[in-house]
Protein backbone atom coordinates (compact mmCIF):
# COMPACT_ATOMS: atom_id res chain seq x y z
CA MET A 1 -14.97 -12.12 2.63
CA LYS A 2 -13.05 -13.76 5.46
CA ALA A 3 -14.90 -14.21 8.76
CA ASP A 4 -13.58 -12.49 11.89
CA ASN A 5 -12.21 -15.75 13.32
CA GLU A 6 -10.27 -16.42 10.09
CA ILE A 7 -8.76 -12.93 10.17
CA GLU A 8 -7.78 -13.51 13.80
CA LYS A 9 -6.00 -16.74 12.81
CA MET A 10 -4.14 -14.84 10.10
CA ARG A 11 -3.11 -12.19 12.61
CA LYS A 12 -1.66 -14.79 14.97
CA THR A 13 0.22 -16.48 12.13
CA LEU A 14 1.59 -13.18 10.82
CA LYS A 15 2.84 -12.21 14.26
CA LYS A 16 5.17 -15.24 14.25
CA TYR A 17 6.89 -14.01 11.09
CA MET A 18 7.22 -10.31 11.91
CA ASP A 19 9.48 -8.28 14.17
CA ALA A 20 7.67 -6.11 16.72
CA ASP A 21 7.89 -2.85 14.76
CA ARG A 22 6.53 -4.43 11.57
CA TYR A 23 3.73 -6.14 13.48
CA TYR A 24 2.58 -2.92 15.14
CA HIS A 25 2.83 -1.08 11.82
CA THR A 26 0.64 -3.77 10.25
CA GLN A 27 -1.98 -3.38 12.95
CA GLY A 28 -1.88 0.38 12.45
CA VAL A 29 -2.48 -0.02 8.72
CA ARG A 30 -5.24 -2.57 9.35
CA TYR A 31 -7.26 -0.24 11.58
CA THR A 32 -6.49 2.93 9.61
CA ALA A 33 -7.68 1.19 6.45
CA ALA A 34 -10.89 0.11 8.20
CA ALA A 35 -11.50 3.70 9.36
CA LEU A 36 -10.92 5.05 5.84
CA ALA A 37 -13.30 2.43 4.42
CA MET A 38 -15.96 3.58 6.89
CA ALA A 39 -15.41 7.22 5.93
CA HIS A 40 -15.61 6.55 2.19
CA GLY A 41 -18.35 3.91 2.12
CA GLU A 42 -16.09 1.03 1.10
CA ASP A 43 -16.04 -2.57 2.31
CA ILE A 44 -14.57 -2.50 5.83
CA GLY A 45 -13.76 -6.23 5.88
CA LYS A 46 -11.78 -6.06 2.65
CA ALA A 47 -9.89 -3.00 3.88
CA GLU A 48 -9.04 -4.72 7.17
CA LEU A 49 -7.90 -7.90 5.40
CA ALA A 50 -5.71 -6.07 2.87
CA GLY A 51 -4.27 -3.90 5.63
CA LEU A 52 -3.46 -6.93 7.74
CA LEU A 53 -1.67 -8.79 4.92
CA HIS A 54 -0.09 -5.89 3.02
CA ASP A 55 3.40 -6.47 4.51
CA SER A 56 3.25 -10.26 4.78
CA ALA A 57 6.52 -10.54 2.80
CA LYS A 58 8.30 -7.56 4.36
CA ASN A 59 10.39 -9.48 6.90
CA ILE A 60 11.69 -11.91 4.29
CA PRO A 61 15.34 -11.03 3.47
CA GLU A 62 15.69 -9.26 0.13
CA LYS A 63 17.79 -12.01 -1.49
CA GLU A 64 15.15 -14.53 -0.50
CA GLN A 65 12.41 -12.29 -1.91
CA LEU A 66 14.25 -12.24 -5.24
CA SER A 67 14.63 -16.01 -5.13
CA LEU A 68 10.96 -16.60 -4.26
CA CYS A 69 9.82 -14.32 -7.07
CA GLU A 70 12.04 -16.13 -9.58
CA LYS A 71 10.93 -19.56 -8.30
CA ASN A 72 7.23 -18.69 -8.54
CA GLY A 73 7.30 -16.86 -11.87
CA ILE A 74 6.65 -13.41 -10.40
CA PRO A 75 8.04 -10.81 -12.83
CA ILE A 76 10.95 -8.70 -11.59
CA SER A 77 11.66 -5.35 -13.23
CA GLU A 78 15.12 -3.82 -13.60
CA ILE A 79 14.24 -1.25 -10.92
CA GLU A 80 13.16 -4.04 -8.54
CA ARG A 81 16.46 -5.86 -9.06
CA LYS A 82 18.27 -2.67 -8.08
CA SER A 83 15.84 -1.94 -5.23
CA PRO A 84 14.57 -5.39 -4.12
CA TYR A 85 12.71 -3.92 -1.13
CA LEU A 86 10.00 -3.03 -3.69
CA LEU A 87 9.35 -6.74 -4.28
CA HIS A 88 7.61 -7.27 -0.96
CA ALA A 89 4.34 -5.84 -2.32
CA LYS A 90 3.90 -8.22 -5.26
CA LEU A 91 5.36 -11.12 -3.26
CA GLY A 92 2.97 -10.20 -0.44
CA ALA A 93 0.02 -10.49 -2.82
CA TYR A 94 1.28 -13.94 -3.84
CA ILE A 95 1.65 -15.02 -0.19
CA ALA A 96 -1.80 -13.64 0.66
CA GLU A 97 -3.28 -15.82 -2.07
CA LYS A 98 -1.23 -19.00 -1.66
CA LYS A 99 -0.57 -19.07 2.11
CA TYR A 100 -3.62 -17.29 3.52
CA GLY A 101 -6.20 -18.33 0.92
CA VAL A 102 -7.23 -14.83 -0.21
CA ALA A 103 -9.08 -15.16 -3.51
CA ASP A 104 -10.56 -11.66 -3.82
CA PRO A 105 -8.73 -9.94 -6.72
CA GLU A 106 -9.49 -6.48 -5.30
CA VAL A 107 -7.77 -7.33 -2.01
CA LEU A 108 -4.78 -8.86 -3.82
CA GLU A 109 -4.53 -5.81 -6.07
CA ALA A 110 -4.54 -3.49 -3.04
CA ILE A 111 -1.66 -5.44 -1.49
CA ARG A 112 0.19 -5.45 -4.83
CA TRP A 113 0.18 -1.66 -5.22
CA HIS A 114 0.47 -0.47 -1.62
CA THR A 115 4.10 0.65 -1.96
CA THR A 116 4.46 2.20 -5.41
CA GLY A 117 0.86 3.01 -6.24
CA THR A 118 -0.27 2.77 -9.85
CA GLU A 119 -2.48 4.74 -12.20
CA GLY A 120 -6.24 4.34 -11.81
CA MET A 121 -6.18 2.47 -8.49
CA SER A 122 -9.43 1.07 -7.12
CA ARG A 123 -10.73 2.85 -4.04
CA LEU A 124 -9.62 -0.10 -1.90
CA SER A 125 -6.11 0.12 -3.38
CA GLN A 126 -6.08 3.83 -2.66
CA ILE A 127 -7.15 3.18 0.93
CA ILE A 128 -4.32 0.69 1.56
CA PHE A 129 -1.78 2.91 -0.20
CA ILE A 130 -2.83 5.85 1.99
CA ALA A 131 -3.19 3.85 5.22
CA ASP A 132 0.36 2.55 4.83
CA TYR A 133 1.56 6.18 4.68
CA ILE A 134 -0.51 7.72 7.47
CA GLU A 135 -1.00 5.03 10.13
CA PRO A 136 -0.42 6.37 13.66
CA ARG A 137 3.15 5.03 14.02
CA ARG A 138 4.30 6.96 10.92
CA PHE A 139 5.87 10.30 11.79
CA LYS A 140 8.75 11.06 9.38
CA ALA A 141 6.91 12.52 6.36
CA GLY A 142 6.84 16.30 6.51
CA ASN A 143 3.25 16.79 5.40
CA LEU A 144 1.53 14.20 7.56
CA ASP A 145 -1.02 16.50 9.18
CA GLU A 146 -2.25 17.70 5.79
CA VAL A 147 -2.21 14.18 4.32
CA ARG A 148 -4.13 12.73 7.27
CA ARG A 149 -6.84 15.38 6.98
CA MET A 150 -7.14 14.89 3.23
CA ALA A 151 -7.30 11.08 3.58
CA PHE A 152 -10.77 11.35 5.09
CA ARG A 153 -11.98 13.94 2.59
CA ASP A 154 -10.71 13.01 -0.90
CA LEU A 155 -8.85 9.81 -1.80
CA ASP A 156 -7.69 11.07 -5.22
CA GLU A 157 -6.26 14.29 -3.82
CA CYS A 158 -4.62 12.42 -0.96
CA CYS A 159 -2.92 10.03 -3.39
CA TYR A 160 -1.71 13.03 -5.40
CA ILE A 161 -0.12 14.66 -2.33
CA ILE A 162 1.56 11.42 -1.21
CA LEU A 163 2.92 10.68 -4.69
CA ARG A 164 4.10 14.26 -5.17
CA ASP A 165 5.94 14.25 -1.84
CA THR A 166 7.34 10.75 -2.36
CA LEU A 167 8.78 11.59 -5.78
CA GLY A 168 10.25 14.80 -4.43
CA TYR A 169 11.92 12.89 -1.59
CA LEU A 170 13.28 10.14 -3.87
CA LYS A 171 14.67 12.67 -6.35
CA MET A 172 16.33 14.61 -3.54
CA LYS A 173 18.00 11.40 -2.34
CA GLY A 174 18.97 10.34 -5.87
CA ALA A 175 17.16 7.04 -5.30
CA PHE A 176 15.74 4.74 -7.97
CA ILE A 177 12.15 5.60 -8.87
CA ASP A 178 9.72 2.88 -9.89
CA THR A 179 7.97 3.63 -13.18
CA GLU A 180 4.61 2.73 -11.61
CA THR A 181 5.07 5.52 -9.07
CA GLU A 182 5.75 8.01 -11.86
CA LYS A 183 2.70 6.78 -13.81
CA ALA A 184 0.57 7.03 -10.68
CA PHE A 185 1.75 10.57 -10.00
CA HIS A 186 0.94 11.77 -13.52
CA PHE A 187 -2.49 10.12 -13.34
CA TYR A 188 -3.43 11.77 -10.04
CA GLU A 189 -1.79 15.04 -11.04
CA LYS A 190 -4.34 15.26 -13.86
CA THR A 191 -7.14 14.68 -11.36
CA HIS A 192 -5.64 17.35 -9.08
CA ASN A 193 -5.31 19.88 -11.90
CA ALA A 194 -8.89 19.24 -13.02
CA ARG A 195 -10.04 19.80 -9.43
CA ILE A 196 -8.13 23.11 -9.19
CA HIS A 197 -9.49 24.24 -12.57
CA LYS A 198 -13.04 23.46 -11.44
CA ILE A 199 -12.55 25.48 -8.22
CA LYS A 200 -11.32 28.48 -10.23
CA GLU A 201 -14.32 28.44 -12.61
C-alpha cells in the first residue's frame, strides 16, 4: 500500500492535469471511498488510492484516449468506439499502473470498473463504483438520498439501485449501453431478488 507521502505526491501531480471541477470531484470520491471502507471493514488506504486515481484519464481528450488505448494494446469495444468517454476507466487503470506505480490488482480493478460496473465486483470495486456516484458534489441523480443511505448499509443493494437507475436513464435518453453495465445489473438484480425473497419468508 502506498504511504501517505506518496499519495500526497500523486494528488499534487493529478491536480496539474485536471480542471477544477474534476479535481474536486476526485477529492470527493477519494474521501467518500475512505468513509465507505471504514463503514464496511475494507482497506481504507486502498479505497483512498483508487478513489484518488479513478479519473486520472478523464481530462484527456476522447480522440487521444482512443489513440493511447490503440498504442498501448488496450482493447476497445464497439460500444467504446461509439462512446469513447467510457475509455477513461480502463485507460485510467493503465495510467495508475504505468505512471503512478500502482501494482495492486484490486486497486487497478476498482479503477477499471468504476464507470460501467461489472458482475461480481470486489467490495473495493463496489466502493469506488458507489463513491463515484454519491460523492458530495453529485446532485443530479433523482434517488441520491436513498442511494447514499444504502451505500453505508448494503453494498450489493446499493449497486443494484445505481445500476437500475442508470440503465433506466440511458434507455430513456436512447444512449448506447455498455454490455458490462447490463451484465452487472442482471448480477445484482439476482442478489436483490434473493434478498426480497428472504425478507418475505
